[in-house]
Amino acid sequence: LAIISRRVLGPEHGTTRHAEIVLDLCRKRRVGVTTHYGIKEYQALRFDDEEERLIVNGPISDPRKPDEEEIMTVAINDIILIQGSPVMCHGLRNAAHLNGKVGDTRSFDNKTGRYSLRFEDKSLKSVLVKPENLRIAFDLPDEN
């Protein structure tokens, strides 16, 4: 979207700037982490070897204070994905054809406890997926 907006509307247009900010946030892999002090913002770095826990750095402040940040391991169920987070479906049983498919989070449905996903493959319809069946996609294709 950022590339198309830049070409059609120009680099200074408000829509282009907004798209670039959202893309930058997605690339930084910001997540919310539930702590004893509430929800704090962290940067997701990678999954552990078993892909059961996420390694994060933070909490992130503005401006950033790296000397006050720490790297820690967090259970996947303690992670809150921000809108637009790039994710991959994992471990689905009733919709196994979606395993490995990449999309982005659109919202969180409090009633079902699931994230609404929009897939890169436009032939796939949006679905609701449990947090434990999502993995943050760390490798995104380069912009062209």
N, C-alpha and C. Protein backbone atom coordinates (compact mmCIF):
# COMPACT_ATOMS: atom_id res chain seq x y z
N LEU A 1 0.82 -1.19 0.00
CA LEU A 1 0.00 0.00 0.00
C LEU A 1 0.87 1.26 0.00
N ALA A 2 1.97 1.22 0.77
CA ALA A 2 2.84 2.39 0.84
C ALA A 2 3.45 2.69 -0.53
N ILE A 3 3.84 1.66 -1.26
CA ILE A 3 4.45 1.85 -2.59
C ILE A 3 3.44 2.45 -3.55
N ILE A 4 2.23 1.88 -3.56
CA ILE A 4 1.19 2.38 -4.47
C ILE A 4 0.82 3.81 -4.12
N SER A 5 0.66 4.09 -2.83
CA SER A 5 0.31 5.43 -2.41
C SER A 5 1.39 6.44 -2.80
N ARG A 6 2.65 6.04 -2.64
CA ARG A 6 3.76 6.93 -3.01
C ARG A 6 3.71 7.24 -4.50
N ARG A 7 3.44 6.22 -5.33
CA ARG A 7 3.40 6.42 -6.79
C ARG A 7 2.20 7.24 -7.22
N VAL A 8 1.03 6.96 -6.64
CA VAL A 8 -0.20 7.61 -7.08
C VAL A 8 -0.40 8.98 -6.45
N LEU A 9 -0.19 9.06 -5.13
CA LEU A 9 -0.48 10.30 -4.41
C LEU A 9 0.75 11.16 -4.14
N GLY A 10 1.92 10.55 -4.19
CA GLY A 10 3.15 11.28 -3.91
C GLY A 10 3.65 11.04 -2.50
N PRO A 11 4.95 11.26 -2.29
CA PRO A 11 5.56 10.94 -1.00
C PRO A 11 5.11 11.84 0.16
N GLU A 12 4.59 13.01 -0.13
CA GLU A 12 4.20 13.94 0.93
C GLU A 12 2.73 13.85 1.32
N HIS A 13 1.96 13.05 0.60
CA HIS A 13 0.52 12.94 0.88
C HIS A 13 0.29 12.28 2.24
N GLY A 14 -0.73 12.69 2.92
CA GLY A 14 -1.05 12.16 4.25
C GLY A 14 -1.28 10.66 4.26
N THR A 15 -1.95 10.14 3.25
CA THR A 15 -2.19 8.70 3.17
C THR A 15 -0.87 7.95 3.01
N THR A 16 0.03 8.49 2.19
CA THR A 16 1.34 7.86 2.01
C THR A 16 2.11 7.85 3.31
N ARG A 17 2.13 8.97 3.99
CA ARG A 17 2.85 9.04 5.27
C ARG A 17 2.28 8.06 6.29
N HIS A 18 0.95 7.98 6.36
CA HIS A 18 0.32 7.05 7.30
C HIS A 18 0.67 5.61 6.96
N ALA A 19 0.61 5.25 5.68
CA ALA A 19 0.94 3.88 5.25
C ALA A 19 2.39 3.55 5.59
N GLU A 20 3.28 4.50 5.42
CA GLU A 20 4.70 4.27 5.73
C GLU A 20 4.93 4.12 7.22
N ILE A 21 4.20 4.86 8.05
CA ILE A 21 4.31 4.73 9.51
C ILE A 21 3.84 3.35 9.94
N VAL A 22 2.70 2.90 9.42
CA VAL A 22 2.16 1.59 9.77
C VAL A 22 3.13 0.49 9.32
N LEU A 23 3.68 0.60 8.10
CA LEU A 23 4.63 -0.39 7.60
C LEU A 23 5.87 -0.43 8.49
N ASP A 24 6.34 0.73 8.92
CA ASP A 24 7.51 0.78 9.80
C ASP A 24 7.22 0.10 11.14
N LEU A 25 6.03 0.34 11.70
CA LEU A 25 5.66 -0.32 12.95
C LEU A 25 5.61 -1.84 12.78
N CYS A 26 5.07 -2.30 11.67
CA CYS A 26 5.00 -3.75 11.41
C CYS A 26 6.40 -4.34 11.31
N ARG A 27 7.29 -3.65 10.66
CA ARG A 27 8.66 -4.17 10.51
C ARG A 27 9.40 -4.20 11.85
N LYS A 28 9.04 -3.33 12.76
CA LYS A 28 9.69 -3.30 14.08
C LYS A 28 9.15 -4.39 14.99
N ARG A 29 8.08 -5.04 14.58
CA ARG A 29 7.48 -6.15 15.34
C ARG A 29 7.15 -5.75 16.78
N ARG A 30 6.47 -4.64 16.91
CA ARG A 30 6.06 -4.20 18.25
C ARG A 30 4.90 -5.07 18.72
N VAL A 31 4.95 -5.48 19.97
CA VAL A 31 3.88 -6.27 20.57
C VAL A 31 3.61 -5.74 21.97
N GLY A 32 2.42 -5.99 22.44
CA GLY A 32 2.11 -5.71 23.83
C GLY A 32 2.41 -6.95 24.64
N VAL A 33 2.97 -6.77 25.83
CA VAL A 33 3.26 -7.89 26.72
C VAL A 33 2.55 -7.63 28.04
N THR A 34 1.79 -8.63 28.49
CA THR A 34 1.09 -8.52 29.76
C THR A 34 2.10 -8.74 30.88
N THR A 35 2.26 -7.72 31.74
CA THR A 35 3.19 -7.80 32.86
C THR A 35 2.41 -7.58 34.16
N HIS A 36 3.11 -7.65 35.27
CA HIS A 36 2.48 -7.38 36.57
C HIS A 36 2.02 -5.92 36.66
N TYR A 37 2.59 -5.06 35.83
CA TYR A 37 2.29 -3.63 35.86
C TYR A 37 1.34 -3.22 34.75
N GLY A 38 0.72 -4.18 34.09
CA GLY A 38 -0.18 -3.89 32.97
C GLY A 38 0.46 -4.30 31.65
N ILE A 39 -0.05 -3.75 30.58
CA ILE A 39 0.46 -4.07 29.25
C ILE A 39 1.54 -3.07 28.88
N LYS A 40 2.71 -3.59 28.52
CA LYS A 40 3.85 -2.76 28.13
C LYS A 40 4.24 -3.10 26.69
N GLU A 41 4.80 -2.13 25.99
CA GLU A 41 5.22 -2.34 24.60
C GLU A 41 6.64 -2.87 24.54
N TYR A 42 6.82 -3.94 23.76
CA TYR A 42 8.12 -4.58 23.56
C TYR A 42 8.35 -4.79 22.07
N GLN A 43 9.59 -5.07 21.71
CA GLN A 43 9.92 -5.43 20.34
C GLN A 43 10.14 -6.94 20.29
N ALA A 44 9.39 -7.63 19.43
CA ALA A 44 9.57 -9.07 19.25
C ALA A 44 10.85 -9.30 18.45
N LEU A 45 11.71 -10.19 18.96
CA LEU A 45 12.99 -10.46 18.30
C LEU A 45 12.98 -11.77 17.52
N ARG A 46 12.45 -12.83 18.15
CA ARG A 46 12.42 -14.15 17.52
C ARG A 46 11.68 -15.11 18.45
N PHE A 47 11.40 -16.31 17.93
CA PHE A 47 10.83 -17.36 18.76
C PHE A 47 11.96 -18.19 19.34
N ASP A 48 11.68 -18.86 20.46
CA ASP A 48 12.66 -19.80 21.01
C ASP A 48 12.74 -21.02 20.09
N ASP A 49 13.61 -21.95 20.40
CA ASP A 49 13.84 -23.10 19.53
C ASP A 49 12.59 -23.95 19.32
N GLU A 50 11.72 -24.03 20.31
CA GLU A 50 10.51 -24.84 20.19
C GLU A 50 9.34 -24.04 19.62
N GLU A 51 9.53 -22.75 19.39
CA GLU A 51 8.49 -21.83 18.90
C GLU A 51 7.28 -21.78 19.83
N GLU A 52 7.52 -22.01 21.11
CA GLU A 52 6.45 -21.94 22.10
C GLU A 52 6.47 -20.62 22.86
N ARG A 53 7.60 -19.94 22.84
CA ARG A 53 7.76 -18.69 23.57
C ARG A 53 8.43 -17.67 22.66
N LEU A 54 8.17 -16.41 22.93
CA LEU A 54 8.70 -15.32 22.12
C LEU A 54 9.77 -14.58 22.91
N ILE A 55 10.87 -14.29 22.26
CA ILE A 55 11.94 -13.50 22.88
C ILE A 55 11.71 -12.05 22.48
N VAL A 56 11.62 -11.18 23.49
CA VAL A 56 11.30 -9.77 23.28
C VAL A 56 12.32 -8.88 23.97
N ASN A 57 12.35 -7.62 23.56
CA ASN A 57 13.23 -6.62 24.14
C ASN A 57 12.38 -5.42 24.56
N GLY A 58 12.60 -4.93 25.78
CA GLY A 58 11.84 -3.76 26.20
C GLY A 58 11.79 -3.68 27.72
N PRO A 59 10.86 -2.98 28.29
CA PRO A 59 9.80 -2.25 27.60
C PRO A 59 10.34 -1.04 26.86
N ILE A 60 9.65 -0.69 25.79
CA ILE A 60 10.07 0.40 24.93
C ILE A 60 9.43 1.69 25.40
N SER A 61 10.24 2.70 25.55
CA SER A 61 9.74 4.02 25.93
C SER A 61 10.00 4.97 24.76
N ASP A 62 9.41 6.15 24.83
CA ASP A 62 9.62 7.16 23.79
C ASP A 62 10.10 8.44 24.45
N PRO A 63 11.33 8.86 24.25
CA PRO A 63 12.34 8.23 23.40
C PRO A 63 12.87 6.94 24.04
N ARG A 64 13.43 6.09 23.18
CA ARG A 64 13.94 4.81 23.67
C ARG A 64 15.11 5.01 24.61
N LYS A 65 15.15 4.15 25.63
CA LYS A 65 16.24 4.15 26.61
C LYS A 65 16.80 2.74 26.67
N PRO A 66 17.70 2.39 25.73
CA PRO A 66 18.21 1.02 25.64
C PRO A 66 18.81 0.49 26.93
N ASP A 67 19.40 1.37 27.74
CA ASP A 67 20.00 0.90 28.98
C ASP A 67 18.95 0.45 30.01
N GLU A 68 17.67 0.83 29.79
CA GLU A 68 16.59 0.41 30.68
C GLU A 68 15.79 -0.76 30.12
N GLU A 69 16.15 -1.22 28.91
CA GLU A 69 15.45 -2.33 28.29
C GLU A 69 16.14 -3.64 28.62
N GLU A 70 15.38 -4.73 28.60
CA GLU A 70 15.96 -6.04 28.83
C GLU A 70 15.37 -7.04 27.86
N ILE A 71 16.13 -8.08 27.58
CA ILE A 71 15.65 -9.16 26.73
C ILE A 71 15.08 -10.23 27.63
N MET A 72 13.87 -10.69 27.29
CA MET A 72 13.22 -11.72 28.10
C MET A 72 12.40 -12.64 27.20
N THR A 73 12.01 -13.77 27.75
CA THR A 73 11.21 -14.75 27.04
C THR A 73 9.80 -14.72 27.61
N VAL A 74 8.81 -14.71 26.71
CA VAL A 74 7.42 -14.53 27.11
C VAL A 74 6.56 -15.63 26.47
N ALA A 75 5.59 -16.13 27.21
CA ALA A 75 4.64 -17.11 26.67
C ALA A 75 3.81 -16.45 25.57
N ILE A 76 3.51 -17.20 24.54
CA ILE A 76 2.76 -16.65 23.41
C ILE A 76 1.41 -16.09 23.86
N ASN A 77 0.79 -16.72 24.84
CA ASN A 77 -0.52 -16.24 25.30
C ASN A 77 -0.43 -14.91 26.05
N ASP A 78 0.78 -14.47 26.41
CA ASP A 78 0.95 -13.17 27.07
C ASP A 78 1.27 -12.06 26.08
N ILE A 79 1.21 -12.36 24.78
CA ILE A 79 1.52 -11.39 23.74
C ILE A 79 0.23 -10.81 23.18
N ILE A 80 0.22 -9.51 22.94
CA ILE A 80 -0.90 -8.85 22.29
C ILE A 80 -0.37 -8.27 20.99
N LEU A 81 -0.91 -8.74 19.87
CA LEU A 81 -0.47 -8.27 18.56
C LEU A 81 -1.15 -6.96 18.22
N ILE A 82 -0.39 -6.04 17.63
CA ILE A 82 -0.99 -4.78 17.20
C ILE A 82 -1.63 -4.98 15.83
N GLN A 83 -2.56 -4.10 15.49
CA GLN A 83 -3.20 -4.17 14.18
C GLN A 83 -2.14 -4.05 13.09
N GLY A 84 -2.22 -4.92 12.11
CA GLY A 84 -1.27 -4.91 11.01
C GLY A 84 -0.06 -5.80 11.21
N SER A 85 0.02 -6.48 12.36
CA SER A 85 1.16 -7.37 12.60
C SER A 85 1.18 -8.48 11.56
N PRO A 86 2.33 -8.69 10.90
CA PRO A 86 2.42 -9.79 9.93
C PRO A 86 2.53 -11.12 10.66
N VAL A 87 1.65 -12.05 10.33
CA VAL A 87 1.60 -13.34 11.03
C VAL A 87 1.46 -14.49 10.04
N MET A 88 1.74 -15.70 10.54
CA MET A 88 1.56 -16.92 9.77
C MET A 88 0.72 -17.88 10.62
N CYS A 89 -0.24 -18.54 9.99
CA CYS A 89 -1.06 -19.52 10.70
C CYS A 89 -0.24 -20.77 10.97
N HIS A 90 -0.52 -21.37 12.14
CA HIS A 90 0.30 -22.48 12.60
C HIS A 90 -0.55 -23.39 13.49
N GLY A 91 -0.53 -24.68 13.23
CA GLY A 91 -1.19 -25.64 14.11
C GLY A 91 -2.70 -25.67 14.02
N LEU A 92 -3.27 -25.15 12.93
CA LEU A 92 -4.72 -25.20 12.78
C LEU A 92 -5.15 -26.62 12.40
N ARG A 93 -6.25 -27.09 12.99
CA ARG A 93 -6.75 -28.43 12.68
C ARG A 93 -7.96 -28.38 11.77
N ASN A 94 -8.94 -27.54 12.12
CA ASN A 94 -10.17 -27.46 11.32
C ASN A 94 -9.99 -26.69 10.02
N ALA A 95 -8.94 -25.91 9.93
CA ALA A 95 -8.64 -25.16 8.71
C ALA A 95 -7.16 -25.35 8.37
N ALA A 96 -6.74 -26.61 8.31
CA ALA A 96 -5.33 -26.94 8.10
C ALA A 96 -4.78 -26.36 6.80
N HIS A 97 -5.64 -26.11 5.82
CA HIS A 97 -5.19 -25.53 4.56
C HIS A 97 -4.63 -24.11 4.74
N LEU A 98 -4.91 -23.49 5.90
CA LEU A 98 -4.40 -22.15 6.17
C LEU A 98 -3.03 -22.16 6.86
N ASN A 99 -2.59 -23.32 7.35
CA ASN A 99 -1.27 -23.40 7.99
C ASN A 99 -0.20 -22.97 7.00
N GLY A 100 0.68 -22.06 7.45
CA GLY A 100 1.74 -21.54 6.60
C GLY A 100 1.34 -20.33 5.78
N LYS A 101 0.07 -19.98 5.78
CA LYS A 101 -0.39 -18.81 5.02
C LYS A 101 -0.08 -17.54 5.82
N VAL A 102 0.36 -16.52 5.10
CA VAL A 102 0.77 -15.25 5.72
C VAL A 102 -0.33 -14.22 5.55
N GLY A 103 -0.54 -13.47 6.61
CA GLY A 103 -1.53 -12.40 6.58
C GLY A 103 -1.18 -11.36 7.63
N ASP A 104 -2.14 -10.50 7.92
CA ASP A 104 -1.90 -9.50 8.97
C ASP A 104 -3.13 -9.40 9.85
N THR A 105 -2.88 -9.06 11.11
CA THR A 105 -3.97 -8.93 12.07
C THR A 105 -4.75 -7.66 11.78
N ARG A 106 -6.06 -7.77 11.85
CA ARG A 106 -6.93 -6.61 11.61
C ARG A 106 -7.53 -6.11 12.91
N SER A 107 -7.93 -7.03 13.78
CA SER A 107 -8.55 -6.66 15.05
C SER A 107 -8.57 -7.88 15.96
N PHE A 108 -8.96 -7.64 17.21
CA PHE A 108 -9.11 -8.74 18.17
C PHE A 108 -10.57 -8.80 18.57
N ASP A 109 -11.15 -9.98 18.49
CA ASP A 109 -12.55 -10.20 18.85
C ASP A 109 -12.59 -10.68 20.30
N ASN A 110 -13.02 -9.81 21.20
CA ASN A 110 -13.06 -10.15 22.63
C ASN A 110 -14.03 -11.29 22.94
N LYS A 111 -15.11 -11.39 22.19
CA LYS A 111 -16.10 -12.45 22.43
C LYS A 111 -15.52 -13.84 22.19
N THR A 112 -14.74 -13.99 21.12
CA THR A 112 -14.20 -15.30 20.77
C THR A 112 -12.76 -15.48 21.23
N GLY A 113 -12.08 -14.38 21.60
CA GLY A 113 -10.68 -14.46 21.99
C GLY A 113 -9.77 -14.76 20.80
N ARG A 114 -10.16 -14.28 19.62
CA ARG A 114 -9.40 -14.57 18.40
C ARG A 114 -9.10 -13.28 17.63
N TYR A 115 -8.02 -13.38 16.84
CA TYR A 115 -7.66 -12.27 15.96
C TYR A 115 -8.32 -12.45 14.60
N SER A 116 -8.77 -11.34 14.03
CA SER A 116 -9.25 -11.34 12.66
C SER A 116 -8.04 -11.16 11.76
N LEU A 117 -7.91 -12.04 10.76
CA LEU A 117 -6.77 -11.97 9.84
C LEU A 117 -7.23 -11.67 8.43
N ARG A 118 -6.40 -10.92 7.73
CA ARG A 118 -6.56 -10.71 6.29
C ARG A 118 -5.31 -11.32 5.65
N PHE A 119 -5.50 -12.17 4.68
CA PHE A 119 -4.38 -12.89 4.07
C PHE A 119 -3.80 -12.16 2.87
N GLU A 120 -2.49 -12.39 2.64
CA GLU A 120 -1.84 -11.87 1.44
C GLU A 120 -2.50 -12.43 0.20
N ASP A 121 -2.83 -13.72 0.24
CA ASP A 121 -3.51 -14.40 -0.87
C ASP A 121 -4.96 -13.92 -0.87
N LYS A 122 -5.31 -13.06 -1.81
CA LYS A 122 -6.64 -12.44 -1.83
C LYS A 122 -7.76 -13.45 -2.11
N SER A 123 -7.41 -14.66 -2.54
CA SER A 123 -8.45 -15.67 -2.77
C SER A 123 -8.93 -16.26 -1.44
N LEU A 124 -8.21 -16.01 -0.35
CA LEU A 124 -8.60 -16.50 0.97
C LEU A 124 -9.43 -15.45 1.69
N LYS A 125 -10.50 -15.91 2.31
CA LYS A 125 -11.36 -15.00 3.07
C LYS A 125 -10.74 -14.72 4.44
N SER A 126 -11.11 -13.60 5.02
CA SER A 126 -10.67 -13.27 6.38
C SER A 126 -11.23 -14.31 7.34
N VAL A 127 -10.46 -14.61 8.39
CA VAL A 127 -10.87 -15.61 9.38
C VAL A 127 -10.51 -15.11 10.78
N LEU A 128 -11.10 -15.76 11.78
CA LEU A 128 -10.75 -15.52 13.17
C LEU A 128 -9.86 -16.68 13.63
N VAL A 129 -8.71 -16.35 14.24
CA VAL A 129 -7.73 -17.36 14.63
C VAL A 129 -7.29 -17.12 16.07
N LYS A 130 -7.18 -18.21 16.84
CA LYS A 130 -6.72 -18.12 18.23
C LYS A 130 -5.27 -17.65 18.25
N PRO A 131 -4.89 -16.88 19.27
CA PRO A 131 -3.50 -16.38 19.37
C PRO A 131 -2.46 -17.49 19.32
N GLU A 132 -2.75 -18.65 19.94
CA GLU A 132 -1.75 -19.72 19.96
C GLU A 132 -1.54 -20.36 18.59
N ASN A 133 -2.40 -20.04 17.61
CA ASN A 133 -2.25 -20.57 16.25
C ASN A 133 -1.65 -19.55 15.30
N LEU A 134 -1.04 -18.52 15.86
CA LEU A 134 -0.39 -17.49 15.05
C LEU A 134 1.08 -17.38 15.42
N ARG A 135 1.91 -17.15 14.45
CA ARG A 135 3.33 -16.89 14.66
C ARG A 135 3.66 -15.59 13.94
N ILE A 136 4.38 -14.72 14.60
CA ILE A 136 4.81 -13.49 13.96
C ILE A 136 5.71 -13.84 12.79
N ALA A 137 5.47 -13.22 11.64
CA ALA A 137 6.29 -13.45 10.45
C ALA A 137 7.47 -12.48 10.51
N PHE A 138 8.65 -13.00 10.79
CA PHE A 138 9.82 -12.15 10.93
C PHE A 138 10.47 -11.82 9.59
N ASP A 139 10.28 -12.66 8.60
CA ASP A 139 10.89 -12.44 7.29
C ASP A 139 9.83 -11.94 6.33
N LEU A 140 9.87 -10.64 6.03
CA LEU A 140 8.96 -10.04 5.08
C LEU A 140 9.70 -9.79 3.77
N PRO A 141 8.99 -9.88 2.64
CA PRO A 141 9.65 -9.58 1.37
C PRO A 141 10.06 -8.11 1.33
N ASP A 142 11.13 -7.84 0.60
CA ASP A 142 11.59 -6.47 0.42
C ASP A 142 10.60 -5.71 -0.44
N GLU A 143 10.58 -4.37 -0.27
CA GLU A 143 9.74 -3.52 -1.12
C GLU A 143 10.34 -3.46 -2.51
N ASN A 144 9.49 -3.45 -3.52
CA ASN A 144 9.94 -3.30 -4.91
C ASN A 144 9.25 -2.12 -5.54
